[in-house]
């Protein structure tokens, strides 16, 4: 969605969505570290 907003001229919306995506990526990495630290094996499937 961020990419579409950017190429469609919605810079403010694109900036917001890119930032939000980065925040979600950070959350996912925290979950990965949590699983790995407890002896599990965090795996990201194919997208």
N, C-alpha and C. Protein backbone atom coordinates (compact mmCIF):
# COMPACT_ATOMS: atom_id res chain seq x y z
N UNK A 1 0.83 -1.18 0.00
CA UNK A 1 0.00 0.00 0.00
C UNK A 1 0.87 1.25 0.00
N UNK A 2 1.94 1.22 0.76
CA UNK A 2 2.85 2.36 0.82
C UNK A 2 3.44 2.64 -0.56
N UNK A 3 3.82 1.59 -1.25
CA UNK A 3 4.40 1.77 -2.58
C UNK A 3 3.38 2.38 -3.54
N UNK A 4 2.16 1.88 -3.48
CA UNK A 4 1.11 2.43 -4.34
C UNK A 4 0.89 3.91 -4.02
N UNK A 5 0.80 4.24 -2.74
CA UNK A 5 0.58 5.64 -2.35
C UNK A 5 1.71 6.52 -2.85
N UNK A 6 2.94 6.01 -2.75
CA UNK A 6 4.09 6.81 -3.19
C UNK A 6 4.04 7.11 -4.69
N UNK A 7 3.79 6.09 -5.50
CA UNK A 7 3.79 6.31 -6.95
C UNK A 7 2.52 7.02 -7.42
N UNK A 8 1.50 7.05 -6.57
CA UNK A 8 0.25 7.74 -6.93
C UNK A 8 0.23 9.19 -6.46
N UNK A 9 1.33 9.62 -5.84
CA UNK A 9 1.44 11.02 -5.45
C UNK A 9 0.94 11.35 -4.05
N UNK A 10 0.69 10.34 -3.24
CA UNK A 10 0.23 10.56 -1.87
C UNK A 10 1.41 10.44 -0.91
N UNK A 11 2.31 11.42 -0.97
CA UNK A 11 3.56 11.35 -0.22
C UNK A 11 3.33 11.22 1.28
N UNK A 12 2.43 12.00 1.84
CA UNK A 12 2.18 11.93 3.28
C UNK A 12 1.69 10.56 3.71
N UNK A 13 0.76 10.02 2.95
CA UNK A 13 0.25 8.69 3.26
C UNK A 13 1.34 7.64 3.08
N UNK A 14 2.12 7.76 2.03
CA UNK A 14 3.21 6.81 1.79
C UNK A 14 4.21 6.85 2.94
N UNK A 15 4.60 8.03 3.37
CA UNK A 15 5.54 8.15 4.48
C UNK A 15 5.00 7.48 5.73
N UNK A 16 3.73 7.73 6.03
CA UNK A 16 3.10 7.11 7.20
C UNK A 16 3.11 5.59 7.09
N UNK A 17 2.72 5.07 5.93
CA UNK A 17 2.63 3.63 5.75
C UNK A 17 3.99 2.95 5.76
N UNK A 18 5.00 3.58 5.18
CA UNK A 18 6.35 3.02 5.23
C UNK A 18 6.84 2.98 6.67
N UNK A 19 6.59 4.04 7.44
CA UNK A 19 7.00 4.06 8.84
C UNK A 19 6.27 2.98 9.64
N UNK A 20 5.00 2.84 9.39
CA UNK A 20 4.21 1.82 10.09
C UNK A 20 4.73 0.42 9.77
N UNK A 21 5.08 0.19 8.52
CA UNK A 21 5.63 -1.11 8.12
C UNK A 21 6.94 -1.39 8.85
N UNK A 22 7.76 -0.37 9.02
CA UNK A 22 9.02 -0.54 9.75
C UNK A 22 8.77 -0.89 11.21
N UNK A 23 7.79 -0.25 11.82
CA UNK A 23 7.44 -0.56 13.21
C UNK A 23 6.98 -2.02 13.35
N UNK A 24 6.20 -2.48 12.39
CA UNK A 24 5.72 -3.86 12.43
C UNK A 24 6.87 -4.85 12.23
N UNK A 25 7.83 -4.48 11.40
CA UNK A 25 9.01 -5.33 11.20
C UNK A 25 9.79 -5.47 12.51
N UNK A 26 9.93 -4.37 13.23
CA UNK A 26 10.61 -4.40 14.52
C UNK A 26 9.88 -5.31 15.50
N UNK A 27 8.55 -5.24 15.50
CA UNK A 27 7.77 -6.13 16.38
C UNK A 27 8.01 -7.59 16.02
N UNK A 28 8.03 -7.89 14.74
CA UNK A 28 8.25 -9.27 14.30
C UNK A 28 9.63 -9.76 14.74
N UNK A 29 10.64 -8.91 14.64
CA UNK A 29 11.98 -9.31 15.06
C UNK A 29 12.04 -9.57 16.56
N UNK A 30 11.29 -8.81 17.34
CA UNK A 30 11.23 -9.06 18.78
C UNK A 30 10.66 -10.45 19.05
N UNK A 31 9.64 -10.82 18.31
CA UNK A 31 9.06 -12.16 18.48
C UNK A 31 10.05 -13.25 18.08
N UNK A 32 10.79 -13.03 17.00
CA UNK A 32 11.80 -13.99 16.56
C UNK A 32 12.84 -14.18 17.65
N UNK A 33 13.33 -13.08 18.20
CA UNK A 33 14.35 -13.17 19.25
C UNK A 33 13.80 -13.87 20.48
N UNK A 34 12.56 -13.61 20.83
CA UNK A 34 11.94 -14.26 21.98
C UNK A 34 11.93 -15.78 21.80
N UNK A 35 11.48 -16.22 20.64
CA UNK A 35 11.43 -17.66 20.35
C UNK A 35 12.84 -18.25 20.36
N UNK A 36 13.78 -17.60 19.67
CA UNK A 36 15.15 -18.11 19.60
C UNK A 36 15.81 -18.15 20.97
N UNK A 37 15.60 -17.13 21.79
CA UNK A 37 16.20 -17.07 23.12
C UNK A 37 15.70 -18.18 24.03
N UNK A 38 14.56 -18.74 23.72
CA UNK A 38 13.99 -19.79 24.55
C UNK A 38 14.18 -21.18 23.96
N UNK A 39 15.12 -21.26 23.02
CA UNK A 39 15.47 -22.57 22.46
C UNK A 39 14.67 -23.00 21.26
N UNK A 40 13.75 -22.16 20.83
CA UNK A 40 12.97 -22.50 19.64
C UNK A 40 13.72 -22.12 18.38
N UNK A 41 13.04 -22.24 17.28
CA UNK A 41 13.64 -21.89 15.99
C UNK A 41 12.60 -21.09 15.21
N UNK A 42 12.76 -19.78 15.24
CA UNK A 42 11.81 -18.92 14.53
C UNK A 42 12.11 -18.97 13.04
N UNK A 43 11.07 -19.19 12.26
CA UNK A 43 11.21 -19.31 10.80
C UNK A 43 10.19 -18.40 10.12
N UNK A 44 10.65 -17.63 9.15
CA UNK A 44 9.75 -16.82 8.33
C UNK A 44 9.48 -17.60 7.05
N UNK A 45 8.23 -17.87 6.82
CA UNK A 45 7.87 -18.60 5.61
C UNK A 45 8.01 -17.75 4.35
N UNK A 46 7.88 -18.38 3.24
CA UNK A 46 7.95 -17.68 1.95
C UNK A 46 6.76 -16.75 1.81
N UNK A 47 7.04 -15.56 1.30
CA UNK A 47 5.98 -14.57 1.09
C UNK A 47 5.69 -14.50 -0.39
